[in-house]
Structures are given as structure tokens and as C-alpha cells.
Amino acid sequence: MSYCRWSSDNWNCDLYCYADCSGGFTTWVAEMRHKNVPKLPAFGSVPDNEYWKLHDEQMYFLDTAALKPIGLKYDGERFNDPDLVSFLNRVLHLRKVGYNVPEYVIDRIKKEMGDLAVAK
């Protein structure tokens, strides 16, 4: 299960985070990003033909636009944290130093932590 991908939040997420089948929680940090990616509306919020037209425009932009270096300390790094607390702290730290991390990623990790506490 992934918590976020680089394509998350209209290509504005700098992390790819997931529960690793080898154990723990893996975070990949992007080293480059697109700037000013055209936004897609939520699926179902506009007629299908309009959504897919906007989707095609976004894909064309991504195929033709240059990636820009992020320029922060952890660009291109990979981390594996052994538990949810360490994973949450890692993601919070990466956001604090300037990486784009959607708020829902933090919320998902906290919810999972709460669900595990209740299950015990």
C-alpha cells in the first residue's frame, strides 16, 4: 500500500512512501520536480469528456516540460523506517526541510497508528 506517490496531489508530492514487503516503511525522495503542472479536477466533478481532455493536456505538459532540480539535502535519497512512529517522524522532517508532502499523507499515517492502538 502506498501513502503517496510523486504523482499524488497533481504531481506536487516529492515523496513516494509505502509499506515495504521486505519490512518497515520505505520513503523515496525525488531529486527533481515539474513546476506549474496544470491541475486536474477531482474525477467525477466535471463531465467525463472534459476531465479526459484536461488529463490529456496534463500528460502532454508532463511529457514536454523540463524537470527542475529540487536542491534540498535529501534529494534522491531512500529511507526505510522500522515502524509507523519513525516513518511519521521521517515524513514530518522531510516536509519541514522543504519537500512537498500533502497533508493527507500525515493524516493517513496517524490514522493507521490510531487503528493499531485500538486493535491491541
Protein backbone atom coordinates (compact mmCIF):
# COMPACT_ATOMS: atom_id res chain seq x y z
CA MET A 1 0.00 0.00 0.00
CA SER A 2 1.36 3.41 -0.85
CA TYR A 3 0.71 6.51 1.22
CA CYS A 4 1.68 8.83 -1.62
CA ARG A 5 3.42 8.83 -4.98
CA TRP A 6 5.20 11.54 -6.87
CA SER A 7 2.08 11.89 -8.98
CA SER A 8 -0.07 12.45 -5.88
CA ASP A 9 -1.75 15.82 -5.45
CA ASN A 10 -1.49 16.75 -9.16
CA TRP A 11 2.22 15.90 -9.35
CA ASN A 12 3.05 18.10 -6.35
CA CYS A 13 4.32 15.40 -3.99
CA ASP A 14 8.08 14.97 -3.59
CA LEU A 15 7.84 11.61 -1.83
CA TYR A 16 6.90 8.06 -2.72
CA CYS A 17 6.03 6.27 0.53
CA TYR A 18 4.82 2.73 1.04
CA ALA A 19 4.66 -0.22 3.43
CA ASP A 20 7.59 -2.31 2.21
CA CYS A 21 7.04 -6.04 1.60
CA SER A 22 10.57 -6.57 2.99
CA GLY A 23 9.55 -4.84 6.22
CA GLY A 24 9.18 -1.34 7.51
CA PHE A 25 8.11 1.73 5.59
CA THR A 26 10.08 2.99 2.61
CA THR A 27 10.32 6.61 1.52
CA TRP A 28 11.90 7.67 -1.76
CA VAL A 29 12.64 11.38 -2.08
CA ALA A 30 12.50 12.94 -5.55
CA GLU A 31 15.52 14.85 -6.75
CA MET A 32 13.66 16.75 -9.46
CA ARG A 33 10.12 18.06 -9.95
CA HIS A 34 7.89 19.67 -12.53
CA LYS A 35 6.85 23.27 -11.93
CA ASN A 36 3.35 24.62 -12.59
CA VAL A 37 1.70 21.34 -13.56
CA PRO A 38 -1.85 22.01 -14.82
CA LYS A 39 -4.33 20.87 -12.15
CA LEU A 40 -6.92 18.18 -12.74
CA PRO A 41 -10.30 18.50 -11.04
CA ALA A 42 -11.49 15.59 -8.91
CA PHE A 43 -12.73 12.76 -11.09
CA GLY A 44 -16.50 12.98 -11.39
CA SER A 45 -16.63 16.71 -10.61
CA VAL A 46 -16.76 17.63 -14.30
CA PRO A 47 -18.21 15.76 -17.31
CA ASP A 48 -16.08 12.80 -18.37
CA ASN A 49 -15.15 14.28 -21.76
CA GLU A 50 -13.91 17.48 -20.09
CA TYR A 51 -11.95 15.54 -17.47
CA TRP A 52 -10.17 13.41 -20.08
CA LYS A 53 -9.39 16.47 -22.20
CA LEU A 54 -7.76 18.11 -19.15
CA HIS A 55 -5.98 14.83 -18.35
CA ASP A 56 -4.53 14.68 -21.86
CA GLU A 57 -3.36 18.29 -21.52
CA GLN A 58 -1.68 17.47 -18.21
CA MET A 59 0.05 14.41 -19.70
CA TYR A 60 1.28 16.47 -22.67
CA PHE A 61 2.66 19.07 -20.27
CA LEU A 62 4.47 16.37 -18.27
CA ASP A 63 5.90 14.81 -21.45
CA THR A 64 7.26 18.12 -22.74
CA ALA A 65 8.13 20.19 -19.64
CA ALA A 66 11.61 20.11 -18.18
CA LEU A 67 12.16 18.74 -14.71
CA LYS A 68 13.86 21.14 -12.31
CA PRO A 69 16.26 20.07 -9.54
CA ILE A 70 14.71 20.42 -6.09
CA GLY A 71 18.01 21.39 -4.48
CA LEU A 72 17.42 20.18 -0.91
CA LYS A 73 19.56 18.00 1.36
CA TYR A 74 17.78 14.66 0.82
CA ASP A 75 17.19 14.80 -2.96
CA GLY A 76 17.27 11.29 -4.43
CA GLU A 77 17.60 9.57 -1.04
CA ARG A 78 15.83 6.38 0.03
CA PHE A 79 14.89 5.63 3.63
CA ASN A 80 13.38 2.61 5.36
CA ASP A 81 11.89 3.11 8.81
CA PRO A 82 11.08 0.12 11.03
CA ASP A 83 7.77 1.36 12.46
CA LEU A 84 4.99 3.90 11.97
CA VAL A 85 6.32 6.33 14.58
CA SER A 86 9.74 6.51 12.88
CA PHE A 87 8.05 6.73 9.48
CA LEU A 88 5.82 9.61 10.60
CA ASN A 89 8.81 11.46 12.07
CA ARG A 90 10.73 10.99 8.80
CA VAL A 91 7.87 12.35 6.67
CA LEU A 92 7.34 15.31 9.04
CA HIS A 93 11.07 16.10 8.95
CA LEU A 94 11.16 15.96 5.14
CA ARG A 95 8.20 18.33 4.96
CA LYS A 96 9.83 20.66 7.49
CA VAL A 97 13.01 20.96 5.42
CA GLY A 98 11.00 21.90 2.33
CA TYR A 99 9.76 18.85 0.46
CA ASN A 100 6.16 18.88 -0.81
CA VAL A 101 4.10 16.45 1.25
CA PRO A 102 0.31 16.59 1.06
CA GLU A 103 -1.41 16.86 4.45
CA TYR A 104 -3.41 13.69 3.82
CA VAL A 105 -0.20 11.65 3.93
CA ILE A 106 0.36 12.70 7.55
CA ASP A 107 -3.31 12.04 8.30
CA ARG A 108 -3.14 8.51 6.81
CA ILE A 109 -0.11 7.58 8.90
CA LYS A 110 -1.68 8.96 12.09
CA LYS A 111 -4.94 7.13 11.35
CA GLU A 112 -3.08 3.86 10.88
CA MET A 113 -1.23 4.43 14.15
CA GLY A 114 -4.56 5.04 15.90
CA ASP A 115 -6.14 1.97 14.30
CA LEU A 116 -3.28 -0.20 15.53
CA ALA A 117 -3.56 1.21 19.05
CA VAL A 118 -7.28 0.43 19.13
CA ALA A 119 -6.72 -3.10 17.81
CA LYS A 120 -4.36 -4.03 20.67
